[in-house]
């Protein structure tokens, strides 16, 4: 709730109005989808080092949310810091990103 008046119970963030394409999100932290599937599996193989704990499920959910948020926020951040080296990453020249950015 940073930068919002404390007496306001609802707020609107324009950057969250549009969801980036799923294909674009999957390009950030691509392994998280595999982890999600492995945690969701009813039976893990005995040699699988992943333990389906509350913490493991929570971190997968957070990373999934953050990759979407990162793409949404990158549109504005690119305008504020156009020379930052991160914008050289191939995801920012992807046609799906360029379409989302418009």
C-alpha atoms as a PDB file:
ATOM      1  CA  UNK A   1       0.000   0.000   0.000  1.00  0.00           C
ATOM      2  CA  UNK A   2       3.026   2.255  -0.389  1.00  0.00           C
ATOM      3  CA  UNK A   3       2.185   5.760  -1.606  1.00  0.00           C
ATOM      4  CA  UNK A   4      -1.542   5.274  -1.059  1.00  0.00           C
ATOM      5  CA  UNK A   5      -3.495   7.219   1.556  1.00  0.00           C
ATOM      6  CA  UNK A   6      -4.114   5.163   4.674  1.00  0.00           C
ATOM      7  CA  UNK A   7      -7.836   5.984   4.705  1.00  0.00           C
ATOM      8  CA  UNK A   8      -8.380   4.451   1.252  1.00  0.00           C
ATOM      9  CA  UNK A   9      -9.403   0.798   1.272  1.00  0.00           C
ATOM     10  CA  UNK A  10      -9.237   0.244  -2.493  1.00  0.00           C
ATOM     11  CA  UNK A  11      -6.665   1.244  -5.055  1.00  0.00           C
ATOM     12  CA  UNK A  12      -6.054   0.720  -8.752  1.00  0.00           C
ATOM     13  CA  UNK A  13      -2.744   0.069 -10.438  1.00  0.00           C
ATOM     14  CA  UNK A  14      -3.061   0.637 -14.188  1.00  0.00           C
ATOM     15  CA  UNK A  15      -0.040  -1.552 -14.908  1.00  0.00           C
ATOM     16  CA  UNK A  16      -1.880  -4.616 -13.644  1.00  0.00           C
ATOM     17  CA  UNK A  17      -4.892  -4.119 -15.910  1.00  0.00           C
ATOM     18  CA  UNK A  18      -3.382  -6.213 -18.707  1.00  0.00           C
ATOM     19  CA  UNK A  19      -1.894  -9.647 -18.231  1.00  0.00           C
ATOM     20  CA  UNK A  20       1.189 -10.417 -20.288  1.00  0.00           C
ATOM     21  CA  UNK A  21       0.940 -13.439 -22.600  1.00  0.00           C
ATOM     22  CA  UNK A  22       1.576 -16.733 -20.844  1.00  0.00           C
ATOM     23  CA  UNK A  23       4.223 -17.600 -23.430  1.00  0.00           C
ATOM     24  CA  UNK A  24       6.141 -14.483 -22.417  1.00  0.00           C
ATOM     25  CA  UNK A  25       5.876 -15.224 -18.701  1.00  0.00           C
ATOM     26  CA  UNK A  26       7.176 -18.729 -19.274  1.00  0.00           C
ATOM     27  CA  UNK A  27      10.407 -17.266 -20.684  1.00  0.00           C
ATOM     28  CA  UNK A  28      11.237 -15.821 -17.248  1.00  0.00           C
ATOM     29  CA  UNK A  29      12.207 -18.434 -14.676  1.00  0.00           C
ATOM     30  CA  UNK A  30      11.310 -21.231 -17.107  1.00  0.00           C
ATOM     31  CA  UNK A  31      12.154 -23.981 -14.608  1.00  0.00           C
ATOM     32  CA  UNK A  32       9.417 -22.822 -12.235  1.00  0.00           C
ATOM     33  CA  UNK A  33       6.759 -24.539 -14.362  1.00  0.00           C
ATOM     34  CA  UNK A  34       8.580 -27.856 -14.002  1.00  0.00           C
ATOM     35  CA  UNK A  35       8.847 -27.331 -10.247  1.00  0.00           C
ATOM     36  CA  UNK A  36       5.142 -26.533 -10.092  1.00  0.00           C
ATOM     37  CA  UNK A  37       4.295 -29.730 -11.954  1.00  0.00           C
ATOM     38  CA  UNK A  38       6.599 -31.821  -9.789  1.00  0.00           C
ATOM     39  CA  UNK A  39       5.117 -30.397  -6.587  1.00  0.00           C
ATOM     40  CA  UNK A  40       1.597 -30.925  -7.882  1.00  0.00           C
ATOM     41  CA  UNK A  41       2.284 -34.571  -8.721  1.00  0.00           C
ATOM     42  CA  UNK A  42       0.404 -36.914  -6.419  1.00  0.00           C
ATOM     43  CA  UNK A  43       3.387 -39.226  -6.053  1.00  0.00           C
ATOM     44  CA  UNK A  44       6.963 -38.034  -6.327  1.00  0.00           C
ATOM     45  CA  UNK A  45       9.570 -40.574  -7.276  1.00  0.00           C
ATOM     46  CA  UNK A  46      11.687 -41.707  -4.311  1.00  0.00           C
ATOM     47  CA  UNK A  47      14.833 -40.169  -5.788  1.00  0.00           C
ATOM     48  CA  UNK A  48      13.219 -36.739  -6.392  1.00  0.00           C
ATOM     49  CA  UNK A  49      14.914 -34.180  -4.089  1.00  0.00           C
ATOM     50  CA  UNK A  50      11.819 -31.949  -4.059  1.00  0.00           C
ATOM     51  CA  UNK A  51       9.756 -32.146  -0.906  1.00  0.00           C
ATOM     52  CA  UNK A  52       6.166 -30.931  -1.306  1.00  0.00           C
ATOM     53  CA  UNK A  53       6.091 -28.574   1.659  1.00  0.00           C
ATOM     54  CA  UNK A  54       4.027 -25.454   2.266  1.00  0.00           C
ATOM     55  CA  UNK A  55       7.181 -23.363   1.796  1.00  0.00           C
ATOM     56  CA  UNK A  56       8.046 -25.025  -1.519  1.00  0.00           C
ATOM     57  CA  UNK A  57       4.544 -24.450  -2.859  1.00  0.00           C
ATOM     58  CA  UNK A  58       4.583 -20.844  -1.626  1.00  0.00           C
ATOM     59  CA  UNK A  59       7.888 -19.967  -3.287  1.00  0.00           C
ATOM     60  CA  UNK A  60       6.669 -21.435  -6.586  1.00  0.00           C
ATOM     61  CA  UNK A  61       3.534 -19.284  -6.343  1.00  0.00           C
ATOM     62  CA  UNK A  62       5.570 -16.165  -5.513  1.00  0.00           C
ATOM     63  CA  UNK A  63       7.988 -16.653  -8.413  1.00  0.00           C
ATOM     64  CA  UNK A  64       5.073 -17.274 -10.772  1.00  0.00           C
ATOM     65  CA  UNK A  65       3.462 -14.027  -9.612  1.00  0.00           C
ATOM     66  CA  UNK A  66       6.744 -12.088  -9.769  1.00  0.00           C
ATOM     67  CA  UNK A  67       7.510 -13.008 -13.355  1.00  0.00           C
ATOM     68  CA  UNK A  68       4.129 -11.642 -14.423  1.00  0.00           C
ATOM     69  CA  UNK A  69       4.625  -8.499 -12.311  1.00  0.00           C
ATOM     70  CA  UNK A  70       8.138  -7.995 -13.677  1.00  0.00           C
ATOM     71  CA  UNK A  71       6.889  -7.984 -17.258  1.00  0.00           C
ATOM     72  CA  UNK A  72       4.053  -5.600 -16.382  1.00  0.00           C
ATOM     73  CA  UNK A  73       6.395  -3.216 -14.554  1.00  0.00           C
ATOM     74  CA  UNK A  74       9.113  -3.415 -17.193  1.00  0.00           C
ATOM     75  CA  UNK A  75       7.071  -1.289 -19.590  1.00  0.00           C
ATOM     76  CA  UNK A  76       7.219   1.731 -17.279  1.00  0.00           C
ATOM     77  CA  UNK A  77      10.715   0.966 -15.999  1.00  0.00           C
ATOM     78  CA  UNK A  78      12.011   0.889 -19.566  1.00  0.00           C
ATOM     79  CA  UNK A  79      10.731   4.427 -20.051  1.00  0.00           C
ATOM     80  CA  UNK A  80      12.281   5.609 -16.773  1.00  0.00           C
ATOM     81  CA  UNK A  81      15.648   3.869 -17.312  1.00  0.00           C
ATOM     82  CA  UNK A  82      16.030   3.324 -21.075  1.00  0.00           C
ATOM     83  CA  UNK A  83      19.780   2.686 -20.954  1.00  0.00           C
ATOM     84  CA  UNK A  84      19.717  -0.065 -18.341  1.00  0.00           C
ATOM     85  CA  UNK A  85      21.521  -3.179 -19.601  1.00  0.00           C
ATOM     86  CA  UNK A  86      18.666  -5.503 -18.669  1.00  0.00           C
ATOM     87  CA  UNK A  87      16.684  -4.229 -21.646  1.00  0.00           C
ATOM     88  CA  UNK A  88      19.212  -5.951 -23.906  1.00  0.00           C
ATOM     89  CA  UNK A  89      17.758  -9.326 -22.937  1.00  0.00           C
ATOM     90  CA  UNK A  90      16.060 -11.065 -25.860  1.00  0.00           C
ATOM     91  CA  UNK A  91      12.693 -11.157 -24.091  1.00  0.00           C
ATOM     92  CA  UNK A  92      12.341  -7.400 -24.582  1.00  0.00           C
ATOM     93  CA  UNK A  93      12.655  -7.707 -28.353  1.00  0.00           C
ATOM     94  CA  UNK A  94      10.231 -10.630 -28.551  1.00  0.00           C
ATOM     95  CA  UNK A  95       7.189  -9.813 -30.743  1.00  0.00           C
ATOM     96  CA  UNK A  96       4.878 -10.892 -27.898  1.00  0.00           C
ATOM     97  CA  UNK A  97       6.553  -8.387 -25.563  1.00  0.00           C
ATOM     98  CA  UNK A  98       6.504  -5.589 -28.124  1.00  0.00           C
ATOM     99  CA  UNK A  99       2.801  -6.209 -28.683  1.00  0.00           C
ATOM    100  CA  UNK A 100       2.140  -6.246 -24.923  1.00  0.00           C
ATOM    101  CA  UNK A 101       4.163  -3.048 -24.469  1.00  0.00           C
ATOM    102  CA  UNK A 102       1.897  -1.158 -26.886  1.00  0.00           C
END
